[in-house]
PDB file of N, CA and C in Angstrom:
ATOM      1  N   MET A   1       0.971  -1.235  -0.021  1.00  0.00           N
ATOM      2  CA  MET A   1      -0.025  -0.056   0.003  1.00  0.00           C
ATOM      3  C   MET A   1       0.949   1.106   0.001  1.00  0.00           C
ATOM      4  N   GLY A   2       0.523   2.270  -0.948  1.00  0.00           N
ATOM      5  CA  GLY A   2       1.470   3.404  -1.100  1.00  0.00           C
ATOM      6  C   GLY A   2       1.084   4.482   0.104  1.00  0.00           C
ATOM      7  N   GLN A   3       1.923   5.269   0.159  1.00  0.00           N
ATOM      8  CA  GLN A   3       1.909   6.424   1.329  1.00  0.00           C
ATOM      9  C   GLN A   3       0.834   7.358   0.819  1.00  0.00           C
ATOM     10  N   ARG A   4      -0.070   7.639   1.635  1.00  0.00           N
ATOM     11  CA  ARG A   4      -1.146   8.758   1.309  1.00  0.00           C
ATOM     12  C   ARG A   4      -0.878   9.978   2.007  1.00  0.00           C
ATOM     13  N   PRO A   5      -1.333  11.118   1.435  1.00  0.00           N
ATOM     14  CA  PRO A   5      -1.279  12.542   2.245  1.00  0.00           C
ATOM     15  C   PRO A   5      -1.786  12.366   3.503  1.00  0.00           C
ATOM     16  N   GLY A   6      -1.370  12.765   4.579  1.00  0.00           N
ATOM     17  CA  GLY A   6      -2.075  12.908   5.840  1.00  0.00           C
ATOM     18  C   GLY A   6      -1.861  11.624   6.711  1.00  0.00           C
ATOM     19  N   ILE A   7      -1.350  10.741   6.149  1.00  0.00           N
ATOM     20  CA  ILE A   7      -1.165   9.456   6.908  1.00  0.00           C
ATOM     21  C   ILE A   7       0.460   9.298   7.044  1.00  0.00           C
ATOM     22  N   GLY A   8       0.743   9.460   8.312  1.00  0.00           N
ATOM     23  CA  GLY A   8       2.284   9.303   8.653  1.00  0.00           C
ATOM     24  C   GLY A   8       3.244  10.163   7.793  1.00  0.00           C
ATOM     25  N   SER A   9       2.514  11.328   7.549  1.00  0.00           N
ATOM     26  CA  SER A   9       3.444  12.256   6.841  1.00  0.00           C
ATOM     27  C   SER A   9       3.214  13.614   7.323  1.00  0.00           C
ATOM     28  N   ASP A  10       3.850  14.743   6.909  1.00  0.00           N
ATOM     29  CA  ASP A  10       3.749  16.063   7.283  1.00  0.00           C
ATOM     30  C   ASP A  10       2.931  16.602   6.251  1.00  0.00           C
ATOM     31  N   GLU A  11       2.358  15.838   5.309  1.00  0.00           N
ATOM     32  CA  GLU A  11       1.521  16.572   4.265  1.00  0.00           C
ATOM     33  C   GLU A  11       0.063  16.909   4.757  1.00  0.00           C
ATOM     34  N   PRO A  12      -0.511  18.035   4.424  1.00  0.00           N
ATOM     35  CA  PRO A  12      -1.854  18.171   4.797  1.00  0.00           C
ATOM     36  C   PRO A  12      -2.920  17.334   4.257  1.00  0.00           C
ATOM     37  N   MET A  13      -4.002  17.341   4.892  1.00  0.00           N
ATOM     38  CA  MET A  13      -5.120  16.408   4.316  1.00  0.00           C
ATOM     39  C   MET A  13      -5.679  17.011   2.951  1.00  0.00           C
ATOM     40  N   PRO A  14      -6.116  16.217   2.161  1.00  0.00           N
ATOM     41  CA  PRO A  14      -6.676  16.828   0.808  1.00  0.00           C
ATOM     42  C   PRO A  14      -7.756  17.833   1.265  1.00  0.00           C
ATOM     43  N   GLU A  15      -7.825  19.044   0.438  1.00  0.00           N
ATOM     44  CA  GLU A  15      -8.880  19.759   0.328  1.00  0.00           C
ATOM     45  C   GLU A  15     -10.210  19.231   0.042  1.00  0.00           C
ATOM     46  N   ASN A  16     -10.279  18.282  -0.835  1.00  0.00           N
ATOM     47  CA  ASN A  16     -11.369  17.521  -1.127  1.00  0.00           C
ATOM     48  C   ASN A  16     -12.117  16.746   0.081  1.00  0.00           C
ATOM     49  N   PRO A  17     -13.284  17.074   0.491  1.00  0.00           N
ATOM     50  CA  PRO A  17     -14.050  16.246   1.684  1.00  0.00           C
ATOM     51  C   PRO A  17     -14.144  14.807   1.270  1.00  0.00           C
ATOM     52  N   LEU A  18     -14.299  14.393   0.062  1.00  0.00           N
ATOM     53  CA  LEU A  18     -14.439  13.051  -0.429  1.00  0.00           C
ATOM     54  C   LEU A  18     -13.275  12.429  -0.281  1.00  0.00           C
ATOM     55  N   ASN A  19     -11.941  13.076  -0.812  1.00  0.00           N
ATOM     56  CA  ASN A  19     -10.590  12.383  -0.500  1.00  0.00           C
ATOM     57  C   ASN A  19     -10.461  12.156   0.751  1.00  0.00           C
ATOM     58  N   ALA A  20     -10.704  13.214   1.640  1.00  0.00           N
ATOM     59  CA  ALA A  20     -10.293  13.236   3.076  1.00  0.00           C
ATOM     60  C   ALA A  20     -11.123  11.955   3.680  1.00  0.00           C
ATOM     61  N   ALA A  21     -12.318  12.042   3.304  1.00  0.00           N
ATOM     62  CA  ALA A  21     -13.154  10.873   4.044  1.00  0.00           C
ATOM     63  C   ALA A  21     -12.732   9.603   3.570  1.00  0.00           C
ATOM     64  N   TRP A  22     -12.292   9.223   2.470  1.00  0.00           N
ATOM     65  CA  TRP A  22     -11.657   7.949   2.199  1.00  0.00           C
ATOM     66  C   TRP A  22     -10.433   7.628   2.937  1.00  0.00           C
ATOM     67  N   ILE A  23      -9.568   8.708   3.072  1.00  0.00           N
ATOM     68  CA  ILE A  23      -8.414   8.365   3.779  1.00  0.00           C
ATOM     69  C   ILE A  23      -8.574   8.086   5.182  1.00  0.00           C
ATOM     70  N   VAL A  24      -9.616   8.768   5.890  1.00  0.00           N
ATOM     71  CA  VAL A  24      -9.897   8.564   7.315  1.00  0.00           C
ATOM     72  C   VAL A  24     -10.739   7.382   7.421  1.00  0.00           C
ATOM     73  N   LEU A  25     -11.543   7.028   6.369  1.00  0.00           N
ATOM     74  CA  LEU A  25     -12.150   5.671   6.459  1.00  0.00           C
ATOM     75  C   LEU A  25     -11.400   4.515   6.519  1.00  0.00           C
ATOM     76  N   GLU A  26     -10.350   4.650   5.812  1.00  0.00           N
ATOM     77  CA  GLU A  26      -9.265   3.466   5.558  1.00  0.00           C
ATOM     78  C   GLU A  26      -8.501   3.468   7.122  1.00  0.00           C
ATOM     79  N   ALA A  27      -8.190   4.560   7.678  1.00  0.00           N
ATOM     80  CA  ALA A  27      -7.502   4.488   8.822  1.00  0.00           C
ATOM     81  C   ALA A  27      -8.436   3.964  10.111  1.00  0.00           C
ATOM     82  N   ALA A  28      -9.673   4.574  10.066  1.00  0.00           N
ATOM     83  CA  ALA A  28     -10.564   4.285  11.142  1.00  0.00           C
ATOM     84  C   ALA A  28     -10.986   2.678  11.072  1.00  0.00           C
ATOM     85  N   ASN A  29     -11.213   2.313   9.724  1.00  0.00           N
ATOM     86  CA  ASN A  29     -11.353   0.785   9.640  1.00  0.00           C
ATOM     87  C   ASN A  29     -10.289  -0.042  10.243  1.00  0.00           C
ATOM     88  N   ASP A  30      -9.087   0.355   9.843  1.00  0.00           N
ATOM     89  CA  ASP A  30      -7.883  -0.450  10.263  1.00  0.00           C
ATOM     90  C   ASP A  30      -7.863  -0.429  11.974  1.00  0.00           C
ATOM     91  N   LEU A  31      -8.281   0.639  12.549  1.00  0.00           N
ATOM     92  CA  LEU A  31      -8.107   0.751  13.999  1.00  0.00           C
ATOM     93  C   LEU A  31      -9.362   0.366  14.741  1.00  0.00           C
ATOM     94  N   GLY A  32     -10.539  -0.102  13.869  1.00  0.00           N
ATOM     95  CA  GLY A  32     -11.707  -0.663  14.472  1.00  0.00           C
ATOM     96  C   GLY A  32     -12.538   0.452  15.136  1.00  0.00           C
ATOM     97  N   ASP A  33     -12.418   1.711  14.608  1.00  0.00           N
ATOM     98  CA  ASP A  33     -12.987   2.813  15.123  1.00  0.00           C
ATOM     99  C   ASP A  33     -14.467   3.082  14.340  1.00  0.00           C
ATOM    100  N   HIS A  34     -15.352   2.034  14.807  1.00  0.00           N
ATOM    101  CA  HIS A  34     -16.638   2.028  14.186  1.00  0.00           C
ATOM    102  C   HIS A  34     -17.548   3.346  14.082  1.00  0.00           C
ATOM    103  N   ALA A  35     -17.343   4.184  14.905  1.00  0.00           N
ATOM    104  CA  ALA A  35     -18.034   5.413  15.061  1.00  0.00           C
ATOM    105  C   ALA A  35     -17.656   6.288  13.968  1.00  0.00           C
ATOM    106  N   THR A  36     -16.283   6.546  13.758  1.00  0.00           N
ATOM    107  CA  THR A  36     -15.687   7.289  12.623  1.00  0.00           C
ATOM    108  C   THR A  36     -15.842   6.620  11.366  1.00  0.00           C
ATOM    109  N   VAL A  37     -16.007   5.329  11.176  1.00  0.00           N
ATOM    110  CA  VAL A  37     -16.245   4.691   9.920  1.00  0.00           C
ATOM    111  C   VAL A  37     -17.699   5.220   9.532  1.00  0.00           C
ATOM    112  N   GLU A  38     -18.557   5.128  10.356  1.00  0.00           N
ATOM    113  CA  GLU A  38     -19.982   5.502   9.938  1.00  0.00           C
ATOM    114  C   GLU A  38     -20.171   6.918   9.506  1.00  0.00           C
ATOM    115  N   ILE A  39     -19.269   7.839  10.314  1.00  0.00           N
ATOM    116  CA  ILE A  39     -19.188   9.267  10.120  1.00  0.00           C
ATOM    117  C   ILE A  39     -18.552   9.588   8.587  1.00  0.00           C
ATOM    118  N   CYS A  40     -17.542   8.776   8.266  1.00  0.00           N
ATOM    119  CA  CYS A  40     -16.841   8.836   6.918  1.00  0.00           C
ATOM    120  C   CYS A  40     -17.969   8.389   5.860  1.00  0.00           C
ATOM    121  N   ARG A  41     -18.530   7.305   6.100  1.00  0.00           N
ATOM    122  CA  ARG A  41     -19.704   6.831   5.209  1.00  0.00           C
ATOM    123  C   ARG A  41     -20.675   7.987   4.940  1.00  0.00           C
ATOM    124  N   ARG A  42     -21.069   8.680   6.004  1.00  0.00           N
ATOM    125  CA  ARG A  42     -21.958   9.640   5.712  1.00  0.00           C
ATOM    126  C   ARG A  42     -21.567  10.964   4.849  1.00  0.00           C
ATOM    127  N   VAL A  43     -20.222  11.154   5.060  1.00  0.00           N
ATOM    128  CA  VAL A  43     -19.535  12.193   4.320  1.00  0.00           C
ATOM    129  C   VAL A  43     -19.425  11.824   2.814  1.00  0.00           C
ATOM    130  N   ILE A  44     -19.082  10.504   2.612  1.00  0.00           N
ATOM    131  CA  ILE A  44     -18.877   9.866   1.279  1.00  0.00           C
ATOM    132  C   ILE A  44     -20.251  10.040   0.483  1.00  0.00           C
ATOM    133  N   ASP A  45     -21.241   9.496   1.247  1.00  0.00           N
ATOM    134  CA  ASP A  45     -22.593   9.483   0.562  1.00  0.00           C
ATOM    135  C   ASP A  45     -23.071  10.699   0.305  1.00  0.00           C
ATOM    136  N   ALA A  46     -22.863  11.774   1.085  1.00  0.00           N
ATOM    137  CA  ALA A  46     -23.214  13.034   0.793  1.00  0.00           C
ATOM    138  C   ALA A  46     -22.566  13.776  -0.411  1.00  0.00           C
ATOM    139  N   SER A  47     -21.335  13.357  -0.339  1.00  0.00           N
ATOM    140  CA  SER A  47     -20.559  14.055  -1.421  1.00  0.00           C
ATOM    141  C   SER A  47     -20.838  13.382  -2.869  1.00  0.00           C
ATOM    142  N   LEU A  48     -21.124  11.887  -2.806  1.00  0.00           N
ATOM    143  CA  LEU A  48     -21.577  11.208  -3.986  1.00  0.00           C
ATOM    144  C   LEU A  48     -22.929  11.696  -4.503  1.00  0.00           C
ATOM    145  N   ASN A  49     -23.656  12.157  -3.386  1.00  0.00           N
ATOM    146  CA  ASN A  49     -25.032  12.640  -3.811  1.00  0.00           C
ATOM    147  C   ASN A  49     -25.297  13.962  -4.052  1.00  0.00           C
ATOM    148  N   GLY A  50     -24.306  14.775  -4.039  1.00  0.00           N
ATOM    149  CA  GLY A  50     -24.254  16.291  -4.321  1.00  0.00           C
ATOM    150  C   GLY A  50     -24.794  16.968  -3.124  1.00  0.00           C
ATOM    151  N   ALA A  51     -24.696  16.396  -2.117  1.00  0.00           N
ATOM    152  CA  ALA A  51     -25.385  17.146  -0.780  1.00  0.00           C
ATOM    153  C   ALA A  51     -24.212  17.599   0.029  1.00  0.00           C
ATOM    154  N   THR A  52     -24.534  18.349   1.071  1.00  0.00           N
ATOM    155  CA  THR A  52     -23.455  18.827   1.941  1.00  0.00           C
ATOM    156  C   THR A  52     -23.454  18.078   3.225  1.00  0.00           C
ATOM    157  N   ALA A  53     -22.151  17.467   3.527  1.00  0.00           N
ATOM    158  CA  ALA A  53     -22.199  16.773   4.992  1.00  0.00           C
ATOM    159  C   ALA A  53     -22.298  17.781   6.069  1.00  0.00           C
ATOM    160  N   SER A  54     -22.802  17.044   7.248  1.00  0.00           N
ATOM    161  CA  SER A  54     -22.994  17.962   8.304  1.00  0.00           C
ATOM    162  C   SER A  54     -21.768  18.458   8.909  1.00  0.00           C
ATOM    163  N   PRO A  55     -21.722  19.664   9.531  1.00  0.00           N
ATOM    164  CA  PRO A  55     -20.582  20.299  10.067  1.00  0.00           C
ATOM    165  C   PRO A  55     -19.736  19.447  11.001  1.00  0.00           C
ATOM    166  N   PHE A  56     -20.513  18.496  11.888  1.00  0.00           N
ATOM    167  CA  PHE A  56     -20.101  17.918  12.870  1.00  0.00           C
ATOM    168  C   PHE A  56     -19.144  16.825  12.144  1.00  0.00           C
ATOM    169  N   ASP A  57     -19.861  16.031  11.075  1.00  0.00           N
ATOM    170  CA  ASP A  57     -19.175  14.955  10.411  1.00  0.00           C
ATOM    171  C   ASP A  57     -17.866  15.474   9.763  1.00  0.00           C
ATOM    172  N   MET A  58     -17.982  16.808   9.223  1.00  0.00           N
ATOM    173  CA  MET A  58     -16.719  17.181   8.388  1.00  0.00           C
ATOM    174  C   MET A  58     -15.618  17.463   9.363  1.00  0.00           C
ATOM    175  N   HIS A  59     -15.961  17.940  10.665  1.00  0.00           N
ATOM    176  CA  HIS A  59     -15.188  18.447  11.651  1.00  0.00           C
ATOM    177  C   HIS A  59     -14.398  17.023  12.028  1.00  0.00           C
ATOM    178  N   VAL A  60     -15.023  15.832  12.189  1.00  0.00           N
ATOM    179  CA  VAL A  60     -14.550  14.626  12.476  1.00  0.00           C
ATOM    180  C   VAL A  60     -13.458  14.161  11.566  1.00  0.00           C
ATOM    181  N   VAL A  61     -13.867  14.239  10.119  1.00  0.00           N
ATOM    182  CA  VAL A  61     -12.959  13.934   9.108  1.00  0.00           C
ATOM    183  C   VAL A  61     -11.680  14.874   8.986  1.00  0.00           C
ATOM    184  N   THR A  62     -11.964  16.160   9.102  1.00  0.00           N
ATOM    185  CA  THR A  62     -10.685  17.056   8.965  1.00  0.00           C
ATOM    186  C   THR A  62      -9.958  17.085  10.109  1.00  0.00           C
ATOM    187  N   GLU A  63     -10.160  16.667  11.315  1.00  0.00           N
ATOM    188  CA  GLU A  63      -9.392  16.767  12.429  1.00  0.00           C
ATOM    189  C   GLU A  63      -8.910  15.366  13.027  1.00  0.00           C
ATOM    190  N   TYR A  64      -9.305  14.285  12.324  1.00  0.00           N
ATOM    191  CA  TYR A  64      -8.883  12.902  12.695  1.00  0.00           C
ATOM    192  C   TYR A  64      -7.486  12.645  12.901  1.00  0.00           C
ATOM    193  N   PHE A  65      -6.547  13.226  12.113  1.00  0.00           N
ATOM    194  CA  PHE A  65      -5.009  12.853  12.351  1.00  0.00           C
ATOM    195  C   PHE A  65      -4.529  13.982  13.142  1.00  0.00           C
ATOM    196  N   ARG A  66      -5.256  14.814  13.754  1.00  0.00           N
ATOM    197  CA  ARG A  66      -4.560  15.976  14.585  1.00  0.00           C
ATOM    198  C   ARG A  66      -4.379  15.503  16.161  1.00  0.00           C
TER     199      ARG A  66
END
């Protein structure tokens, strides 16, 4: 598996919420963090459906690695 921005690097998370949600989903899934997995799924679903994810969900995704 290749290195992704935001995971084990000093690179910032992607600006695109969908990309960030996929990165966090992978990490949360590896860690067994079921609550965050569900949040990521909501963000991904919203992005794919052209909707806006909730501010709380976006906060979790953008702050996950901090």
